[in-house]
Amino acid sequence: MKVFISHSSKDEVLVSKIASYLEDAGLDVWYDKREIMPGDNWADKIAQGLRESDAMVVLVTPTALESNRMQGDIDYALTQRRFKGRLIPVLAGDARGFQGWSIPWIFERLPVITIQDNGTSGGNLNQIAEVLKNAA
């Protein structure tokens, strides 16, 4: 299963941890920093990554919520049969940090995983890997 990670570029440290953890758990991860090279057409590469992926982890942070890109990735996943049961929202941080932000409505219908400690404990990262493996 190939897993696409949707995230804000401002959350590189955490997304890199998530990508590495998922790869160590045996999953194939599409992560833009590894897939898009200087000079590549960014939009084409993202579209290719979405087409080639079977699951999506959406890293939700206040900076990601400012991005139309994240909502576009979610919309794409919701229209693709292969993503059914494989769209995993990951809320990074304390829920109080999201007060005043509009969380996508679909997250009320999906199992949301919360990472409290910026991914340092690994417990929540393991939960992401387990959910993805169970959906395979």
Protein backbone atom coordinates (compact mmCIF):
# COMPACT_ATOMS: atom_id res chain seq x y z
CA MET A 1 0.00 0.00 0.00
CA LYS A 2 1.32 3.43 -0.94
CA VAL A 3 0.47 6.19 1.55
CA PHE A 4 0.29 9.84 0.49
CA ILE A 5 1.00 12.35 3.28
CA SER A 6 -0.87 15.64 2.98
CA HIS A 7 0.72 18.38 5.10
CA SER A 8 1.85 21.97 5.34
CA SER A 9 5.45 22.66 4.37
CA LYS A 10 5.77 24.44 7.72
CA ASP A 11 5.34 21.08 9.50
CA GLU A 12 8.40 19.39 7.96
CA VAL A 13 9.89 18.09 11.21
CA LEU A 14 6.76 16.18 12.19
CA VAL A 15 5.89 14.95 8.70
CA SER A 16 9.42 13.62 8.30
CA LYS A 17 9.02 11.65 11.55
CA ILE A 18 5.69 10.26 10.40
CA ALA A 19 7.06 9.28 6.98
CA SER A 20 10.08 7.55 8.51
CA TYR A 21 7.97 5.72 11.07
CA LEU A 22 5.51 4.47 8.46
CA GLU A 23 8.35 3.29 6.23
CA ASP A 24 9.96 1.48 9.17
CA ALA A 25 6.57 -0.20 9.70
CA GLY A 26 6.75 -1.56 6.15
CA LEU A 27 4.54 0.94 4.32
CA ASP A 28 5.43 2.65 1.05
CA VAL A 29 5.19 6.41 1.66
CA TRP A 30 4.76 9.19 -0.90
CA TYR A 31 6.37 12.22 0.72
CA ASP A 32 6.90 15.35 -1.39
CA LYS A 33 10.39 16.15 -0.07
CA ARG A 34 11.60 12.80 -1.39
CA GLU A 35 9.56 12.70 -4.59
CA ILE A 36 9.77 16.23 -5.99
CA MET A 37 13.16 17.32 -7.26
CA PRO A 38 14.28 20.85 -8.17
CA GLY A 39 12.96 21.71 -11.61
CA ASP A 40 10.06 19.23 -11.42
CA ASN A 41 6.56 20.49 -12.08
CA TRP A 42 5.22 20.56 -8.53
CA ALA A 43 1.53 20.25 -9.45
CA ASP A 44 2.18 17.35 -11.84
CA LYS A 45 4.21 15.49 -9.21
CA ILE A 46 1.54 15.96 -6.54
CA ALA A 47 -1.13 14.73 -8.97
CA GLN A 48 1.01 11.71 -9.82
CA GLY A 49 1.54 10.96 -6.13
CA LEU A 50 -2.20 11.10 -5.50
CA ARG A 51 -2.94 8.83 -8.47
CA GLU A 52 -0.37 6.26 -7.34
CA SER A 53 -1.44 6.20 -3.69
CA ASP A 54 -3.92 3.89 -1.98
CA ALA A 55 -4.24 5.74 1.33
CA MET A 56 -3.80 9.23 2.71
CA VAL A 57 -2.60 10.57 6.03
CA VAL A 58 -3.67 14.18 6.52
CA LEU A 59 -1.48 15.98 9.04
CA VAL A 60 -3.75 18.61 10.55
CA THR A 61 -2.07 21.61 12.18
CA PRO A 62 -3.14 25.26 12.35
CA THR A 63 -0.75 26.03 9.46
CA ALA A 64 -2.21 23.17 7.38
CA LEU A 65 -5.72 24.50 7.96
CA GLU A 66 -4.64 27.76 6.30
CA SER A 67 -3.87 25.85 3.12
CA ASN A 68 -6.31 25.19 0.30
CA ARG A 69 -4.01 22.37 -0.76
CA MET A 70 -4.94 20.20 2.21
CA GLN A 71 -8.65 20.59 1.47
CA GLY A 72 -7.98 19.73 -2.17
CA ASP A 73 -6.14 16.55 -1.14
CA ILE A 74 -9.04 15.57 1.14
CA ASP A 75 -11.59 16.27 -1.60
CA TYR A 76 -9.62 14.09 -4.01
CA ALA A 77 -9.41 11.21 -1.52
CA LEU A 78 -13.15 11.39 -0.85
CA THR A 79 -13.91 10.93 -4.55
CA GLN A 80 -11.67 7.87 -5.02
CA ARG A 81 -12.98 4.42 -4.12
CA ARG A 82 -9.48 3.13 -3.28
CA PHE A 83 -9.24 5.65 -0.41
CA LYS A 84 -12.42 4.36 1.29
CA GLY A 85 -11.46 3.56 4.87
CA ARG A 86 -7.95 4.79 4.14
CA LEU A 87 -8.21 8.53 4.78
CA ILE A 88 -6.54 9.05 8.15
CA PRO A 89 -6.66 12.50 9.76
CA VAL A 90 -3.84 13.09 12.26
CA LEU A 91 -4.42 16.03 14.57
CA ALA A 92 -1.05 17.35 15.75
CA GLY A 93 -1.19 19.09 19.10
CA ASP A 94 -3.67 19.86 21.81
CA ALA A 95 -7.26 20.36 20.68
CA ARG A 96 -7.26 23.74 22.45
CA GLY A 97 -4.72 24.92 19.86
CA PHE A 98 -7.39 24.49 17.19
CA GLN A 99 -10.01 26.71 18.77
CA GLY A 100 -11.26 29.18 16.22
CA TRP A 101 -10.09 27.04 13.29
CA SER A 102 -12.50 25.30 10.97
CA ILE A 103 -11.68 21.58 10.98
CA PRO A 104 -12.97 19.85 7.80
CA TRP A 105 -16.46 18.45 8.46
CA ILE A 106 -15.58 14.98 7.18
CA PHE A 107 -13.29 14.43 10.16
CA GLU A 108 -16.42 13.98 12.28
CA ARG A 109 -17.00 10.76 10.33
CA LEU A 110 -13.42 9.47 10.31
CA PRO A 111 -11.21 8.01 13.03
CA VAL A 112 -8.97 10.92 14.03
CA ILE A 113 -5.59 10.14 15.58
CA THR A 114 -4.14 12.79 17.89
CA ILE A 115 -0.42 13.35 18.36
CA GLN A 116 0.20 15.30 21.56
CA ASP A 117 3.98 15.23 21.84
CA ASN A 118 5.07 16.14 18.31
CA GLY A 119 5.53 12.45 17.57
CA THR A 120 8.40 11.88 19.99
CA SER A 121 6.83 8.97 21.91
CA GLY A 122 6.00 6.87 18.87
CA GLY A 123 2.79 5.50 20.39
CA ASN A 124 0.52 7.61 18.23
CA LEU A 125 2.72 6.99 15.20
CA ASN A 126 2.25 3.28 15.77
CA GLN A 127 -1.50 3.86 15.82
CA ILE A 128 -1.30 5.48 12.37
CA ALA A 129 0.63 2.50 11.01
CA GLU A 130 -1.81 0.00 12.56
CA VAL A 131 -4.88 1.76 11.14
CA LEU A 132 -3.28 1.76 7.68
CA LYS A 133 -2.23 -1.90 7.90
CA ASN A 134 -5.71 -2.92 9.04
CA ALA A 135 -7.22 -1.07 6.07
CA ALA A 136 -4.94 -2.87 3.59
